[in-house]
Amino acid sequence: MIVYSDDVTLLLTSPSEIPKLQAILNQYGKESGAKINIQKSKAMALGMWDTTVNIMGIPYHENMKILDIHFTSTTSQSALNSWSVVTDGLRAQGREACYRGQSLNKRIQFSHTYVSPSVVHRTGLPDATNL
């Protein structure tokens, strides 16, 4: 489960989990008054999942974005889509630094100050300065 603000992402590994999920959500709804907004909900099949299986009337989608991570039905395409956003942003920052007419020393400093922390932050890698 991924929760951010009022958005909840539920990850199921098998269609056999759907009835259990429905029971949990129904119980939670009875006690809290909360409801799933089907119009704002999405389902996505990863791998060999059968898309004819009905998940509470939620429509299937080919791709979706969750917390700035792009998901598709294959992990390789998901990784490519997510990393292309990061690398495109880094390229743009690098071009900006080069087009400023800065010296090599200033470009290296720019890279250490802005680009490296950006990669660490966006990828979730541990910061080497804190190791």
Protein backbone atom coordinates (compact mmCIF):
# COMPACT_ATOMS: atom_id res chain seq x y z
CA MET A 1 0.00 0.00 0.00
CA ILE A 2 1.24 3.48 -0.89
CA VAL A 3 -0.48 6.37 0.90
CA TYR A 4 0.02 10.05 0.15
CA SER A 5 -2.42 12.65 1.45
CA ASP A 6 -5.87 11.40 0.44
CA ASP A 7 -4.55 9.11 -2.32
CA VAL A 8 -4.14 5.41 -1.64
CA THR A 9 -2.44 2.94 -3.98
CA LEU A 10 -3.16 -0.72 -3.34
CA LEU A 11 -0.96 -3.39 -4.89
CA LEU A 12 -2.42 -6.85 -5.37
CA THR A 13 -0.43 -9.86 -6.50
CA SER A 14 -3.34 -12.09 -7.50
CA PRO A 15 -7.00 -11.74 -8.53
CA SER A 16 -7.81 -14.03 -5.60
CA GLU A 17 -7.03 -11.06 -3.29
CA ILE A 18 -9.86 -8.92 -4.74
CA PRO A 19 -12.71 -10.29 -2.55
CA LYS A 20 -10.62 -9.79 0.60
CA LEU A 21 -9.78 -6.23 -0.48
CA GLN A 22 -13.45 -5.49 -1.16
CA ALA A 23 -14.44 -6.78 2.28
CA ILE A 24 -11.80 -4.62 3.98
CA LEU A 25 -12.81 -1.52 2.02
CA ASN A 26 -16.52 -2.14 2.69
CA GLN A 27 -15.88 -2.48 6.44
CA TYR A 28 -13.72 0.64 6.46
CA GLY A 29 -16.43 2.53 4.54
CA LYS A 30 -19.13 1.48 7.01
CA GLU A 31 -17.09 2.70 9.97
CA SER A 32 -15.66 5.89 8.45
CA GLY A 33 -18.20 6.92 5.82
CA ALA A 34 -15.41 6.98 3.22
CA LYS A 35 -16.10 5.75 -0.31
CA ILE A 36 -13.98 4.91 -3.30
CA ASN A 37 -14.45 7.37 -6.14
CA ILE A 38 -14.59 4.95 -9.08
CA GLN A 39 -14.31 7.82 -11.61
CA LYS A 40 -10.94 8.82 -10.11
CA SER A 41 -9.74 5.24 -9.61
CA LYS A 42 -7.50 3.24 -11.93
CA ALA A 43 -6.47 -0.38 -12.18
CA MET A 44 -3.41 -1.59 -14.03
CA ALA A 45 -2.38 -5.13 -14.84
CA LEU A 46 1.29 -5.87 -14.36
CA GLY A 47 2.79 -8.84 -16.15
CA MET A 48 0.37 -11.63 -16.99
CA TRP A 49 -2.61 -10.38 -14.93
CA ASP A 50 -5.96 -11.10 -16.60
CA THR A 51 -7.58 -7.73 -17.40
CA THR A 52 -11.01 -9.33 -17.79
CA VAL A 53 -11.15 -9.72 -14.00
CA ASN A 54 -13.45 -7.02 -12.58
CA ILE A 55 -11.97 -5.03 -9.72
CA MET A 56 -14.95 -3.25 -8.19
CA GLY A 57 -15.84 -1.66 -11.53
CA ILE A 58 -12.53 0.22 -11.71
CA PRO A 59 -11.30 0.58 -15.32
CA TYR A 60 -7.91 -0.80 -16.39
CA HIS A 61 -5.27 1.55 -17.78
CA GLU A 62 -2.10 0.85 -19.77
CA ASN A 63 0.00 3.18 -17.64
CA MET A 64 -0.23 5.48 -14.65
CA LYS A 65 1.89 7.81 -12.56
CA ILE A 66 2.14 7.33 -8.78
CA LEU A 67 4.25 9.80 -6.78
CA ASP A 68 6.13 10.83 -9.95
CA ILE A 69 6.97 7.23 -10.85
CA HIS A 70 5.66 6.09 -14.22
CA PHE A 71 4.20 2.58 -14.22
CA THR A 72 3.38 0.44 -17.24
CA SER A 73 2.57 -3.24 -17.58
CA THR A 74 6.28 -4.13 -17.84
CA THR A 75 9.02 -3.27 -15.39
CA SER A 76 11.51 -2.44 -18.14
CA GLN A 77 9.22 0.16 -19.70
CA SER A 78 8.34 1.55 -16.25
CA ALA A 79 12.02 2.00 -15.43
CA LEU A 80 12.73 3.61 -18.79
CA ASN A 81 9.82 6.05 -18.43
CA SER A 82 10.71 7.02 -14.87
CA TRP A 83 14.44 7.41 -15.50
CA SER A 84 13.92 9.40 -18.69
CA VAL A 85 12.23 12.13 -16.63
CA VAL A 86 15.19 12.25 -14.24
CA THR A 87 17.83 12.19 -16.96
CA ASP A 88 16.00 14.80 -19.07
CA GLY A 89 15.91 17.13 -16.07
CA LEU A 90 19.59 16.58 -15.37
CA ARG A 91 20.48 17.21 -19.02
CA ALA A 92 18.55 20.49 -18.94
CA GLN A 93 20.38 21.58 -15.79
CA GLY A 94 23.72 20.63 -17.33
CA ARG A 95 23.00 22.57 -20.54
CA GLU A 96 21.99 25.59 -18.50
CA ALA A 97 25.32 25.50 -16.67
CA CYS A 98 27.30 25.14 -19.89
CA TYR A 99 25.43 27.91 -21.69
CA ARG A 100 26.23 30.37 -18.93
CA GLY A 101 29.78 30.51 -20.24
CA GLN A 102 31.21 29.30 -16.95
CA SER A 103 34.72 28.09 -16.47
CA LEU A 104 35.38 24.38 -16.09
CA ASN A 105 35.89 24.85 -12.35
CA LYS A 106 32.48 26.58 -12.04
CA ARG A 107 30.77 23.84 -14.07
CA ILE A 108 32.25 21.16 -11.80
CA GLN A 109 31.11 23.12 -8.77
CA PHE A 110 27.60 23.41 -10.31
CA SER A 111 27.55 19.65 -10.87
CA HIS A 112 28.54 18.90 -7.28
CA THR A 113 26.13 21.46 -5.84
CA TYR A 114 23.00 20.87 -7.92
CA VAL A 115 23.15 17.80 -10.12
CA SER A 116 24.56 15.22 -7.68
CA PRO A 117 22.08 16.01 -4.86
CA SER A 118 19.26 15.96 -7.41
CA VAL A 119 20.19 12.42 -8.47
CA VAL A 120 20.41 11.31 -4.84
CA HIS A 121 17.05 12.86 -4.00
CA ARG A 122 15.18 11.60 -7.07
CA THR A 123 16.54 8.07 -6.92
CA GLY A 124 16.37 7.60 -3.17
CA LEU A 125 20.04 6.64 -3.05
CA PRO A 126 21.78 7.25 0.28
CA ASP A 127 23.73 10.49 0.46
CA ALA A 128 27.42 9.53 0.44
CA THR A 129 28.32 12.51 2.61
CA ASN A 130 26.33 10.99 5.49
CA LEU A 131 27.86 7.51 5.31
